[in-house]
Amino acid sequence: MSNIRHTPKAPTRARSLAAGERIDAHRHDEHQIVYAGSGVLAVTTDAGTWFAPGTRAIWVPAGTGHAHRAHGHLELHLVGLPADDNPLGLKAPTVLAVSPLLRELIRAYTRDPDDDSPERRRLLAVLRDQLHASPQQPMRLPTPTDPRLAAVCTILHANPADPRTLAALGAATGAGERTLSRLFRSEFGMTFPQWRTQSRLYHALRMLADDTPVTTVAHRCGWSSTSAFIDVFRRSFGYTPGTHNRRARTALSGR
């Protein structure tokens, strides 16, 4: 990631992003919590892409070069924290679960960034407590460095429904199955099936943000049936894909 803009202070504010809109690569000297009240947020660094619907937030550590992209209309909430204030002790970007209480705290805290009242400082203290209790979620697509691994990832990003096995993909890219399996574990810290599920969920979220029907999303992302897709999505995000855009519309109507 080159040409990274440096803004020392991580802003605390709320803003809207249109579908497909980006915030170019930048870094802060402070930590930042990034939450999308509607749509799907993607945060990209040199190490990979972290993605989050409205039930997740992304922790971006101080000094991390990163860029944002909106999938669907995004209601973006940003909370900056000083570099010495790291409630979770996280040194890399991380996706966090957002409880209903934490969601409302983030919304309330970003409503008036210039407010320095004792009440708002107490609000931040509760927000930090809730943040500390937020479970981490594995919603990340790492960036491959080995060209053999990159070739396989490129194929499946272009067509998430590609049903080929790792052996068949290796044959198409000139790499052995055992070599690729080892690379998935050593570079990504996950197996090929785990990575493929993460990739398909990422593409599914992007399609749902564009109001693509659930059955179409399941087919385009390679699930054997709509019910199989719904089951994986529910286990990953806590609600069904059919409610995804209804949640987004409810969030937008509450602006």
Foldseek 3Di string as FASTA:
>chain_A
DPPAAEDAFFDFAKDKDAAFDKFDKYFYQWKKKKAWQFFKKWKDALFFIFIDGRQKIKIAAHPTTIMMTGQAITTIGMDTDGNVDDLQPDDHIFIWGADPVLSVLSVVLRHDVVDPDPVSVVSVVVNSVVRNVTDTAPQIQTDADDVLLNQLVVVCLVFLQPPDDLQVSCVVSVHHSVVNQVSCCVSVVDGPVVNSLSSLVVVLSSCVSVVDDQQVSCNRNRHPGSVVVQVSVCVRRVHGSVCRVVSNVVSVVVD
